[in-house]
PDB file of N, CA and C in Angstrom:
ATOM      1  N   UNK A   1     -16.223 -11.333  36.141  1.00  0.00           N
ATOM      2  CA  UNK A   1     -15.939 -10.035  36.880  1.00  0.00           C
ATOM      3  C   UNK A   1     -15.236  -9.462  35.684  1.00  0.00           C
ATOM      4  N   UNK A   2     -15.468  -7.763  36.056  1.00  0.00           N
ATOM      5  CA  UNK A   2     -14.973  -6.790  34.973  1.00  0.00           C
ATOM      6  C   UNK A   2     -13.347  -6.144  35.688  1.00  0.00           C
ATOM      7  N   UNK A   3     -12.761  -6.093  35.012  1.00  0.00           N
ATOM      8  CA  UNK A   3     -11.410  -5.334  34.931  1.00  0.00           C
ATOM      9  C   UNK A   3     -10.969  -4.459  34.101  1.00  0.00           C
ATOM     10  N   UNK A   4      -9.774  -3.279  34.392  1.00  0.00           N
ATOM     11  CA  UNK A   4      -9.590  -2.451  33.315  1.00  0.00           C
ATOM     12  C   UNK A   4      -8.178  -2.699  33.019  1.00  0.00           C
ATOM     13  N   UNK A   5      -7.627  -2.794  32.030  1.00  0.00           N
ATOM     14  CA  UNK A   5      -6.597  -2.826  31.341  1.00  0.00           C
ATOM     15  C   UNK A   5      -6.358  -2.211  30.256  1.00  0.00           C
ATOM     16  N   UNK A   6      -4.797  -1.921  30.013  1.00  0.00           N
ATOM     17  CA  UNK A   6      -4.696  -1.079  28.867  1.00  0.00           C
ATOM     18  C   UNK A   6      -4.752  -1.567  27.395  1.00  0.00           C
ATOM     19  N   UNK A   7      -5.427  -1.144  26.779  1.00  0.00           N
ATOM     20  CA  UNK A   7      -5.510  -1.860  25.102  1.00  0.00           C
ATOM     21  C   UNK A   7      -4.353  -2.564  25.099  1.00  0.00           C
ATOM     22  N   UNK A   8      -3.176  -2.492  24.926  1.00  0.00           N
ATOM     23  CA  UNK A   8      -1.992  -2.910  24.461  1.00  0.00           C
ATOM     24  C   UNK A   8      -1.873  -4.280  25.031  1.00  0.00           C
ATOM     25  N   UNK A   9      -2.442  -4.559  26.169  1.00  0.00           N
ATOM     26  CA  UNK A   9      -2.149  -5.872  27.102  1.00  0.00           C
ATOM     27  C   UNK A   9      -3.560  -6.725  26.613  1.00  0.00           C
ATOM     28  N   UNK A  10      -4.523  -6.373  25.897  1.00  0.00           N
ATOM     29  CA  UNK A  10      -5.589  -7.180  25.542  1.00  0.00           C
ATOM     30  C   UNK A  10      -5.214  -8.371  24.636  1.00  0.00           C
ATOM     31  N   UNK A  11      -6.174  -9.483  24.080  1.00  0.00           N
ATOM     32  CA  UNK A  11      -5.525 -10.174  23.457  1.00  0.00           C
ATOM     33  C   UNK A  11      -6.022 -10.469  22.229  1.00  0.00           C
ATOM     34  N   UNK A  12      -5.921 -10.893  21.394  1.00  0.00           N
ATOM     35  CA  UNK A  12      -6.495 -11.282  19.919  1.00  0.00           C
ATOM     36  C   UNK A  12      -7.822 -11.723  20.004  1.00  0.00           C
ATOM     37  N   UNK A  13      -8.772 -10.989  19.256  1.00  0.00           N
ATOM     38  CA  UNK A  13     -10.387 -11.301  19.498  1.00  0.00           C
ATOM     39  C   UNK A  13     -10.929 -10.989  20.871  1.00  0.00           C
ATOM     40  N   UNK A  14     -10.316 -10.283  21.690  1.00  0.00           N
ATOM     41  CA  UNK A  14     -10.899  -9.856  22.994  1.00  0.00           C
ATOM     42  C   UNK A  14     -11.643  -8.538  22.854  1.00  0.00           C
ATOM     43  N   UNK A  15     -12.738  -8.596  23.663  1.00  0.00           N
ATOM     44  CA  UNK A  15     -13.633  -7.305  23.381  1.00  0.00           C
ATOM     45  C   UNK A  15     -13.772  -6.329  24.507  1.00  0.00           C
ATOM     46  N   UNK A  16     -13.959  -5.444  24.622  1.00  0.00           N
ATOM     47  CA  UNK A  16     -14.011  -4.408  25.906  1.00  0.00           C
ATOM     48  C   UNK A  16     -14.679  -3.023  25.489  1.00  0.00           C
ATOM     49  N   UNK A  17     -14.864  -2.348  26.138  1.00  0.00           N
ATOM     50  CA  UNK A  17     -15.241  -0.944  26.290  1.00  0.00           C
ATOM     51  C   UNK A  17     -14.291   0.059  26.806  1.00  0.00           C
ATOM     52  N   UNK A  18     -13.913   0.943  26.063  1.00  0.00           N
ATOM     53  CA  UNK A  18     -13.039   2.198  26.737  1.00  0.00           C
ATOM     54  C   UNK A  18     -13.742   2.756  27.425  1.00  0.00           C
ATOM     55  N   UNK A  19     -12.878   3.013  28.722  1.00  0.00           N
ATOM     56  CA  UNK A  19     -13.236   3.624  30.227  1.00  0.00           C
ATOM     57  C   UNK A  19     -12.420   5.132  30.107  1.00  0.00           C
ATOM     58  N   UNK A  20     -11.194   5.025  29.503  1.00  0.00           N
ATOM     59  CA  UNK A  20     -10.436   6.469  29.956  1.00  0.00           C
ATOM     60  C   UNK A  20      -9.429   6.662  28.697  1.00  0.00           C
ATOM     61  N   UNK A  21      -9.303   7.743  28.525  1.00  0.00           N
ATOM     62  CA  UNK A  21      -8.205   7.921  27.193  1.00  0.00           C
ATOM     63  C   UNK A  21      -7.068   8.932  28.193  1.00  0.00           C
ATOM     64  N   UNK A  22      -6.032   8.307  28.416  1.00  0.00           N
ATOM     65  CA  UNK A  22      -5.068   9.361  29.215  1.00  0.00           C
ATOM     66  C   UNK A  22      -4.053  10.179  28.646  1.00  0.00           C
ATOM     67  N   UNK A  23      -4.039  10.284  27.156  1.00  0.00           N
ATOM     68  CA  UNK A  23      -3.248  10.661  26.624  1.00  0.00           C
ATOM     69  C   UNK A  23      -3.668  12.240  26.761  1.00  0.00           C
ATOM     70  N   UNK A  24      -2.730  13.018  26.469  1.00  0.00           N
ATOM     71  CA  UNK A  24      -3.270  14.523  26.275  1.00  0.00           C
ATOM     72  C   UNK A  24      -2.389  15.032  24.956  1.00  0.00           C
ATOM     73  N   UNK A  25      -2.570  16.556  24.911  1.00  0.00           N
ATOM     74  CA  UNK A  25      -2.265  17.187  23.988  1.00  0.00           C
ATOM     75  C   UNK A  25      -2.700  16.406  22.614  1.00  0.00           C
ATOM     76  N   UNK A  26      -1.609  16.588  21.502  1.00  0.00           N
ATOM     77  CA  UNK A  26      -2.086  16.372  20.111  1.00  0.00           C
ATOM     78  C   UNK A  26      -2.098  14.818  20.088  1.00  0.00           C
ATOM     79  N   UNK A  27      -1.496  13.924  20.729  1.00  0.00           N
ATOM     80  CA  UNK A  27      -2.190  12.388  20.715  1.00  0.00           C
ATOM     81  C   UNK A  27      -3.164  12.151  21.022  1.00  0.00           C
ATOM     82  N   UNK A  28      -3.879  12.535  22.279  1.00  0.00           N
ATOM     83  CA  UNK A  28      -5.062  12.520  22.731  1.00  0.00           C
ATOM     84  C   UNK A  28      -6.075  13.064  21.862  1.00  0.00           C
ATOM     85  N   UNK A  29      -6.010  14.173  21.522  1.00  0.00           N
ATOM     86  CA  UNK A  29      -6.986  14.576  20.086  1.00  0.00           C
ATOM     87  C   UNK A  29      -7.135  13.775  19.139  1.00  0.00           C
ATOM     88  N   UNK A  30      -5.926  13.316  18.510  1.00  0.00           N
ATOM     89  CA  UNK A  30      -5.955  12.602  17.339  1.00  0.00           C
ATOM     90  C   UNK A  30      -6.565  11.166  17.857  1.00  0.00           C
ATOM     91  N   UNK A  31      -6.588  10.464  18.899  1.00  0.00           N
ATOM     92  CA  UNK A  31      -7.123   9.461  19.156  1.00  0.00           C
ATOM     93  C   UNK A  31      -8.501   9.500  19.325  1.00  0.00           C
ATOM     94  N   UNK A  32      -9.159  10.364  19.867  1.00  0.00           N
ATOM     95  CA  UNK A  32     -10.278  10.967  20.027  1.00  0.00           C
ATOM     96  C   UNK A  32     -11.104  11.122  18.748  1.00  0.00           C
ATOM     97  N   UNK A  33     -10.434  11.860  17.847  1.00  0.00           N
ATOM     98  CA  UNK A  33     -10.787  12.029  16.583  1.00  0.00           C
ATOM     99  C   UNK A  33     -11.115  10.404  15.431  1.00  0.00           C
ATOM    100  N   UNK A  34     -10.205   9.818  15.960  1.00  0.00           N
ATOM    101  CA  UNK A  34     -10.586   8.365  15.201  1.00  0.00           C
ATOM    102  C   UNK A  34     -11.703   7.790  15.887  1.00  0.00           C
ATOM    103  N   UNK A  35     -12.410   8.270  17.056  1.00  0.00           N
ATOM    104  CA  UNK A  35     -13.631   7.651  17.797  1.00  0.00           C
ATOM    105  C   UNK A  35     -13.193   6.758  18.365  1.00  0.00           C
ATOM    106  N   UNK A  36     -12.052   6.921  19.127  1.00  0.00           N
ATOM    107  CA  UNK A  36     -11.719   5.897  20.532  1.00  0.00           C
ATOM    108  C   UNK A  36     -12.178   7.106  21.650  1.00  0.00           C
ATOM    109  N   UNK A  37     -13.451   7.095  21.910  1.00  0.00           N
ATOM    110  CA  UNK A  37     -13.662   7.652  22.991  1.00  0.00           C
ATOM    111  C   UNK A  37     -14.242   6.752  24.155  1.00  0.00           C
ATOM    112  N   UNK A  38     -14.282   7.044  25.472  1.00  0.00           N
ATOM    113  CA  UNK A  38     -15.005   6.204  26.178  1.00  0.00           C
ATOM    114  C   UNK A  38     -16.367   5.987  26.210  1.00  0.00           C
ATOM    115  N   UNK A  39     -16.961   4.552  26.713  1.00  0.00           N
ATOM    116  CA  UNK A  39     -18.150   4.179  26.333  1.00  0.00           C
ATOM    117  C   UNK A  39     -18.383   3.301  24.793  1.00  0.00           C
ATOM    118  N   UNK A  40     -16.939   3.231  23.982  1.00  0.00           N
ATOM    119  CA  UNK A  40     -16.944   2.825  22.774  1.00  0.00           C
ATOM    120  C   UNK A  40     -16.541   1.361  22.895  1.00  0.00           C
ATOM    121  N   UNK A  41     -17.422   0.303  22.204  1.00  0.00           N
ATOM    122  CA  UNK A  41     -16.802  -1.026  22.343  1.00  0.00           C
ATOM    123  C   UNK A  41     -16.341  -1.283  21.222  1.00  0.00           C
ATOM    124  N   UNK A  42     -14.866  -2.267  21.674  1.00  0.00           N
ATOM    125  CA  UNK A  42     -13.648  -2.082  20.880  1.00  0.00           C
ATOM    126  C   UNK A  42     -13.547  -3.687  20.581  1.00  0.00           C
ATOM    127  N   UNK A  43     -12.952  -4.503  19.820  1.00  0.00           N
ATOM    128  CA  UNK A  43     -12.322  -5.910  19.568  1.00  0.00           C
ATOM    129  C   UNK A  43     -10.904  -5.702  18.781  1.00  0.00           C
ATOM    130  N   UNK A  44     -10.305  -6.565  19.362  1.00  0.00           N
ATOM    131  CA  UNK A  44      -8.997  -6.499  19.305  1.00  0.00           C
ATOM    132  C   UNK A  44      -8.685  -7.655  17.826  1.00  0.00           C
ATOM    133  N   UNK A  45      -8.273  -7.263  16.589  1.00  0.00           N
ATOM    134  CA  UNK A  45      -8.622  -8.212  15.545  1.00  0.00           C
ATOM    135  C   UNK A  45      -7.319  -8.993  14.982  1.00  0.00           C
ATOM    136  N   UNK A  46      -5.838  -7.996  15.488  1.00  0.00           N
ATOM    137  CA  UNK A  46      -4.813  -8.745  15.629  1.00  0.00           C
ATOM    138  C   UNK A  46      -3.572  -8.307  15.785  1.00  0.00           C
ATOM    139  N   UNK A  47      -2.250  -8.695  15.716  1.00  0.00           N
ATOM    140  CA  UNK A  47      -1.181  -7.648  15.621  1.00  0.00           C
ATOM    141  C   UNK A  47      -0.149  -8.157  14.157  1.00  0.00           C
ATOM    142  N   UNK A  48       0.635  -7.094  14.223  1.00  0.00           N
ATOM    143  CA  UNK A  48       1.914  -7.289  13.084  1.00  0.00           C
ATOM    144  C   UNK A  48       2.748  -8.320  13.954  1.00  0.00           C
ATOM    145  N   UNK A  49       3.351  -8.890  12.832  1.00  0.00           N
ATOM    146  CA  UNK A  49       4.504 -10.225  13.351  1.00  0.00           C
ATOM    147  C   UNK A  49       5.435  -9.941  14.805  1.00  0.00           C
ATOM    148  N   UNK A  50       5.874  -8.773  14.722  1.00  0.00           N
ATOM    149  CA  UNK A  50       6.505  -8.067  15.805  1.00  0.00           C
ATOM    150  C   UNK A  50       5.623  -7.545  16.925  1.00  0.00           C
ATOM    151  N   UNK A  51       4.132  -7.868  16.644  1.00  0.00           N
ATOM    152  CA  UNK A  51       3.337  -7.354  17.974  1.00  0.00           C
ATOM    153  C   UNK A  51       3.325  -5.947  17.753  1.00  0.00           C
ATOM    154  N   UNK A  52       3.532  -4.811  16.967  1.00  0.00           N
ATOM    155  CA  UNK A  52       3.171  -3.498  16.948  1.00  0.00           C
ATOM    156  C   UNK A  52       3.313  -3.035  15.442  1.00  0.00           C
ATOM    157  N   UNK A  53       2.284  -2.936  14.552  1.00  0.00           N
ATOM    158  CA  UNK A  53       0.833  -1.922  15.215  1.00  0.00           C
ATOM    159  C   UNK A  53      -0.282  -3.525  15.865  1.00  0.00           C
ATOM    160  N   UNK A  54      -1.002  -2.633  16.488  1.00  0.00           N
ATOM    161  CA  UNK A  54      -2.390  -3.806  16.451  1.00  0.00           C
ATOM    162  C   UNK A  54      -3.715  -3.454  15.820  1.00  0.00           C
ATOM    163  N   UNK A  55      -4.415  -4.214  15.320  1.00  0.00           N
ATOM    164  CA  UNK A  55      -5.530  -3.613  14.547  1.00  0.00           C
ATOM    165  C   UNK A  55      -6.745  -3.842  15.348  1.00  0.00           C
ATOM    166  N   UNK A  56      -7.578  -2.816  15.662  1.00  0.00           N
ATOM    167  CA  UNK A  56      -8.821  -2.940  16.331  1.00  0.00           C
ATOM    168  C   UNK A  56      -9.987  -2.780  15.692  1.00  0.00           C
ATOM    169  N   UNK A  57     -10.944  -3.366  15.537  1.00  0.00           N
ATOM    170  CA  UNK A  57     -12.463  -2.957  15.159  1.00  0.00           C
ATOM    171  C   UNK A  57     -13.105  -2.552  16.373  1.00  0.00           C
ATOM    172  N   UNK A  58     -13.606  -1.218  15.527  1.00  0.00           N
ATOM    173  CA  UNK A  58     -14.479  -0.061  16.106  1.00  0.00           C
ATOM    174  C   UNK A  58     -15.536   0.325  15.086  1.00  0.00           C
ATOM    175  N   UNK A  59     -16.746  -0.068  15.610  1.00  0.00           N
ATOM    176  CA  UNK A  59     -17.965   0.357  14.899  1.00  0.00           C
ATOM    177  C   UNK A  59     -17.821  -0.736  13.877  1.00  0.00           C
ATOM    178  N   UNK A  60     -17.930  -0.145  12.672  1.00  0.00           N
ATOM    179  CA  UNK A  60     -17.624  -0.661  11.293  1.00  0.00           C
ATOM    180  C   UNK A  60     -16.289  -0.908  10.295  1.00  0.00           C
ATOM    181  N   UNK A  61     -15.471  -0.354  11.030  1.00  0.00           N
ATOM    182  CA  UNK A  61     -13.700  -0.142  10.298  1.00  0.00           C
ATOM    183  C   UNK A  61     -12.767  -0.819  11.287  1.00  0.00           C
ATOM    184  N   UNK A  62     -11.887  -1.300  10.606  1.00  0.00           N
ATOM    185  CA  UNK A  62     -10.684  -1.463  11.396  1.00  0.00           C
ATOM    186  C   UNK A  62      -9.500  -0.403  11.390  1.00  0.00           C
ATOM    187  N   UNK A  63      -8.829  -0.202  12.649  1.00  0.00           N
ATOM    188  CA  UNK A  63      -7.776   0.900  12.727  1.00  0.00           C
ATOM    189  C   UNK A  63      -7.053   0.258  13.696  1.00  0.00           C
ATOM    190  N   UNK A  64      -5.655   0.872  12.789  1.00  0.00           N
ATOM    191  CA  UNK A  64      -4.152   0.232  13.387  1.00  0.00           C
ATOM    192  C   UNK A  64      -3.797   1.416  14.249  1.00  0.00           C
ATOM    193  N   UNK A  65      -3.202   0.745  15.527  1.00  0.00           N
ATOM    194  CA  UNK A  65      -2.763   1.834  16.483  1.00  0.00           C
ATOM    195  C   UNK A  65      -1.449   1.139  16.581  1.00  0.00           C
ATOM    196  N   UNK A  66      -0.040   2.031  17.200  1.00  0.00           N
ATOM    197  CA  UNK A  66       0.876   1.656  17.349  1.00  0.00           C
ATOM    198  C   UNK A  66       0.734   1.625  19.174  1.00  0.00           C
ATOM    199  N   UNK A  67       1.660   0.746  19.721  1.00  0.00           N
ATOM    200  CA  UNK A  67       1.691   0.198  20.808  1.00  0.00           C
ATOM    201  C   UNK A  67       1.654   1.431  22.020  1.00  0.00           C
ATOM    202  N   UNK A  68       2.608   2.714  21.763  1.00  0.00           N
ATOM    203  CA  UNK A  68       2.708   3.350  22.412  1.00  0.00           C
ATOM    204  C   UNK A  68       1.163   4.594  22.496  1.00  0.00           C
ATOM    205  N   UNK A  69       0.350   4.271  21.267  1.00  0.00           N
ATOM    206  CA  UNK A  69      -0.701   5.054  21.500  1.00  0.00           C
ATOM    207  C   UNK A  69      -1.780   4.258  22.060  1.00  0.00           C
ATOM    208  N   UNK A  70      -1.624   2.871  22.040  1.00  0.00           N
ATOM    209  CA  UNK A  70      -2.607   1.825  22.902  1.00  0.00           C
ATOM    210  C   UNK A  70      -2.227   1.751  24.058  1.00  0.00           C
ATOM    211  N   UNK A  71      -0.906   2.177  24.732  1.00  0.00           N
ATOM    212  CA  UNK A  71      -0.995   2.118  26.344  1.00  0.00           C
ATOM    213  C   UNK A  71      -1.982   3.383  26.866  1.00  0.00           C
ATOM    214  N   UNK A  72      -2.137   4.256  26.353  1.00  0.00           N
ATOM    215  CA  UNK A  72      -2.844   5.662  27.134  1.00  0.00           C
ATOM    216  C   UNK A  72      -4.486   5.199  26.807  1.00  0.00           C
ATOM    217  N   UNK A  73      -4.656   3.737  26.225  1.00  0.00           N
ATOM    218  CA  UNK A  73      -6.228   3.685  26.358  1.00  0.00           C
ATOM    219  C   UNK A  73      -6.610   2.627  27.036  1.00  0.00           C
ATOM    220  N   UNK A  74      -7.256   2.825  28.205  1.00  0.00           N
ATOM    221  CA  UNK A  74      -7.837   2.006  29.382  1.00  0.00           C
ATOM    222  C   UNK A  74      -8.930   1.234  28.983  1.00  0.00           C
ATOM    223  N   UNK A  75      -8.977   0.002  28.743  1.00  0.00           N
ATOM    224  CA  UNK A  75     -10.518  -0.618  28.296  1.00  0.00           C
ATOM    225  C   UNK A  75     -11.153  -1.763  29.836  1.00  0.00           C
ATOM    226  N   UNK A  76     -12.172  -1.751  29.812  1.00  0.00           N
ATOM    227  CA  UNK A  76     -12.917  -2.651  30.731  1.00  0.00           C
ATOM    228  C   UNK A  76     -13.216  -4.250  29.781  1.00  0.00           C
ATOM    229  N   UNK A  77     -12.615  -5.043  30.217  1.00  0.00           N
ATOM    230  CA  UNK A  77     -13.031  -6.204  29.620  1.00  0.00           C
ATOM    231  C   UNK A  77     -12.859  -7.300  30.874  1.00  0.00           C
ATOM    232  N   UNK A  78     -13.969  -8.572  30.264  1.00  0.00           N
ATOM    233  CA  UNK A  78     -14.420  -9.496  31.237  1.00  0.00           C
ATOM    234  C   UNK A  78     -13.196 -10.354  31.558  1.00  0.00           C
ATOM    235  N   UNK A  79     -12.891 -10.269  32.882  1.00  0.00           N
ATOM    236  CA  UNK A  79     -11.624 -11.103  33.508  1.00  0.00           C
ATOM    237  C   UNK A  79     -12.215 -12.350  34.340  1.00  0.00           C
ATOM    238  N   UNK A  80     -11.150 -12.940  34.422  1.00  0.00           N
ATOM    239  CA  UNK A  80     -11.478 -14.101  35.227  1.00  0.00           C
ATOM    240  C   UNK A  80     -12.027 -14.129  36.892  1.00  0.00           C
ATOM    241  N   UNK A  81     -12.981 -14.994  36.864  1.00  0.00           N
ATOM    242  CA  UNK A  81     -13.374 -14.992  38.358  1.00  0.00           C
ATOM    243  C   UNK A  81     -12.682 -15.598  39.245  1.00  0.00           C
ATOM    244  N   UNK A  82     -12.461 -14.915  40.501  1.00  0.00           N
ATOM    245  CA  UNK A  82     -11.393 -15.234  41.306  1.00  0.00           C
ATOM    246  C   UNK A  82     -12.248 -15.778  42.344  1.00  0.00           C
TER     247      UNK A  82
END
């Protein structure tokens, strides 16, 4: 069963597909320019010791985002079957 969560809520090594970017203005533009657009497959690579920033694998590169940026990215992930 699929569910949609914020990127910030994903766990290490979890994969998902970006569904929506809710950031507007400069932040929204910057996130999209980095390749984070709906339909893109991503995987969480890890987090800094204090959980911010988060490292994300997208296509063939690793990108780091602050949690306040990751909050604006909604991702569809596999969820537990209920």
